[in-house]
Amino acid sequence: MKYKIAASSIIEVTVALVLLLLLFFIVIEFLVSVSKADFELHKAEAAYTLDTYITKNKQEKNFYTTKEILNDWEVSREVKQYENKDSLLQIEYKIYRRDSLMAPYLKKAVLIDLKN
């Protein structure tokens, strides 16, 4: 007796596999672009927060080393004398995400002339 077996041909299986892989790559590309957009949004938020913080410190003349928490960001400020000149201060600002591994999102250095 002969039995008839129902099966798919190799061409059908290959076409199905190619379609699944194409769908997989489209989904992965979408997830990568969303992740990049999220990172860029956090970077823009960090830049705005840091610029606001620097402007406020210049106006209030807060020139001392400290760490502060603003929203979900940790901002550190390190003040040093610039090249042994008494009238110039170099202030290095770093902003971190509070839940990060202390890798700064942004760094900025500012020179302040104390004579003015």
Protein backbone atom coordinates (compact mmCIF):
# COMPACT_ATOMS: atom_id res chain seq x y z
CA MET A 1 0.00 0.00 0.00
CA LYS A 2 1.07 3.45 -0.79
CA TYR A 3 0.37 6.24 1.63
CA LYS A 4 0.14 9.82 0.47
CA ILE A 5 2.07 12.19 2.75
CA ALA A 6 1.09 15.86 2.79
CA ALA A 7 4.16 18.06 3.03
CA SER A 8 5.49 21.42 1.92
CA SER A 9 7.99 21.74 -0.85
CA ILE A 10 11.45 23.15 -0.24
CA ILE A 11 10.50 26.27 -2.20
CA GLU A 12 7.50 26.99 0.03
CA VAL A 13 9.60 26.53 3.17
CA THR A 14 12.33 28.81 1.80
CA VAL A 15 9.81 31.53 0.91
CA ALA A 16 8.26 31.34 4.38
CA LEU A 17 11.70 31.54 6.01
CA VAL A 18 12.67 34.57 3.90
CA LEU A 19 9.43 36.35 4.82
CA LEU A 20 9.98 35.66 8.53
CA LEU A 21 13.55 36.94 8.35
CA LEU A 22 12.41 40.07 6.52
CA LEU A 23 9.80 40.73 9.21
CA PHE A 24 12.41 40.12 11.92
CA PHE A 25 14.83 42.64 10.40
CA ILE A 26 12.10 45.27 10.02
CA VAL A 27 11.14 44.90 13.70
CA ILE A 28 14.80 45.06 14.82
CA GLU A 29 15.38 48.22 12.74
CA PHE A 30 12.32 49.83 14.31
CA LEU A 31 13.49 48.98 17.84
CA VAL A 32 16.97 50.37 17.16
CA SER A 33 15.55 53.64 15.81
CA VAL A 34 13.28 54.01 18.86
CA SER A 35 16.24 53.40 21.15
CA LYS A 36 18.33 56.02 19.33
CA ALA A 37 15.50 58.56 19.50
CA ASP A 38 15.13 57.93 23.24
CA PHE A 39 18.86 58.47 23.78
CA GLU A 40 18.82 61.69 21.76
CA LEU A 41 15.83 62.94 23.74
CA HIS A 42 17.67 62.27 27.02
CA LYS A 43 20.76 64.02 25.66
CA ALA A 44 18.74 67.10 24.67
CA GLU A 45 17.06 67.16 28.08
CA ALA A 46 20.48 66.86 29.77
CA ALA A 47 21.88 69.72 27.65
CA TYR A 48 18.94 71.99 28.52
CA THR A 49 19.19 71.14 32.23
CA LEU A 50 22.94 71.73 32.26
CA ASP A 51 22.71 75.05 30.38
CA THR A 52 20.02 76.28 32.76
CA TYR A 53 22.12 75.22 35.73
CA ILE A 54 25.26 76.96 34.40
CA THR A 55 23.35 80.18 33.71
CA LYS A 56 21.85 80.15 37.21
CA ASN A 57 25.29 79.57 38.78
CA LYS A 58 26.84 82.45 36.83
CA GLN A 59 24.08 84.81 37.93
CA GLU A 60 24.31 83.76 41.57
CA LYS A 61 28.14 83.56 41.46
CA ASN A 62 28.18 80.04 42.93
CA PHE A 63 31.75 79.02 42.24
CA TYR A 64 32.44 76.10 44.55
CA THR A 65 32.72 72.34 44.07
CA THR A 66 29.48 70.46 44.69
CA LYS A 67 27.06 67.79 43.53
CA GLU A 68 23.35 68.45 43.21
CA ILE A 69 20.30 66.58 42.01
CA LEU A 70 17.97 68.29 39.53
CA ASN A 71 14.90 66.32 38.43
CA ASP A 72 16.34 62.91 37.45
CA TRP A 73 19.81 64.30 36.79
CA GLU A 74 22.85 64.51 39.02
CA VAL A 75 25.02 67.53 38.26
CA SER A 76 28.56 67.81 39.54
CA ARG A 77 30.57 71.00 39.54
CA GLU A 78 34.34 71.02 40.08
CA VAL A 79 36.09 74.35 40.50
CA LYS A 80 39.84 74.77 39.97
CA GLN A 81 42.19 77.64 39.50
CA TYR A 82 43.02 78.04 35.82
CA GLU A 83 46.75 77.69 35.08
CA ASN A 84 47.77 79.22 38.44
CA LYS A 85 46.09 82.53 37.65
CA ASP A 86 44.35 83.97 40.68
CA SER A 87 41.66 85.79 38.73
CA LEU A 88 40.55 82.85 36.55
CA LEU A 89 38.52 79.85 37.61
CA GLN A 90 37.90 76.77 35.50
CA ILE A 91 34.58 75.15 36.31
CA GLU A 92 33.92 71.68 34.93
CA TYR A 93 30.28 70.62 34.86
CA LYS A 94 29.19 67.01 34.39
CA ILE A 95 25.64 65.73 34.20
CA TYR A 96 24.68 62.14 34.94
CA ARG A 97 21.48 60.16 34.78
CA ARG A 98 20.69 59.15 38.36
CA ASP A 99 20.13 55.52 37.42
CA SER A 100 23.25 55.25 35.23
CA LEU A 101 26.62 53.77 36.11
CA MET A 102 28.09 57.25 36.67
CA ALA A 103 28.97 57.70 33.01
CA PRO A 104 28.34 61.39 32.24
CA TYR A 105 25.88 62.31 29.51
CA LEU A 106 27.58 65.66 28.98
CA LYS A 107 30.63 67.58 30.15
CA LYS A 108 31.19 71.32 29.86
CA ALA A 109 34.05 73.49 31.01
CA VAL A 110 33.62 77.21 31.70
CA LEU A 111 36.21 79.89 32.48
CA ILE A 112 35.17 82.59 34.91
CA ASP A 113 37.08 85.85 35.31
CA LEU A 114 36.76 86.96 38.93
CA LYS A 115 37.87 90.54 38.12
CA ASN A 116 34.57 91.26 36.35
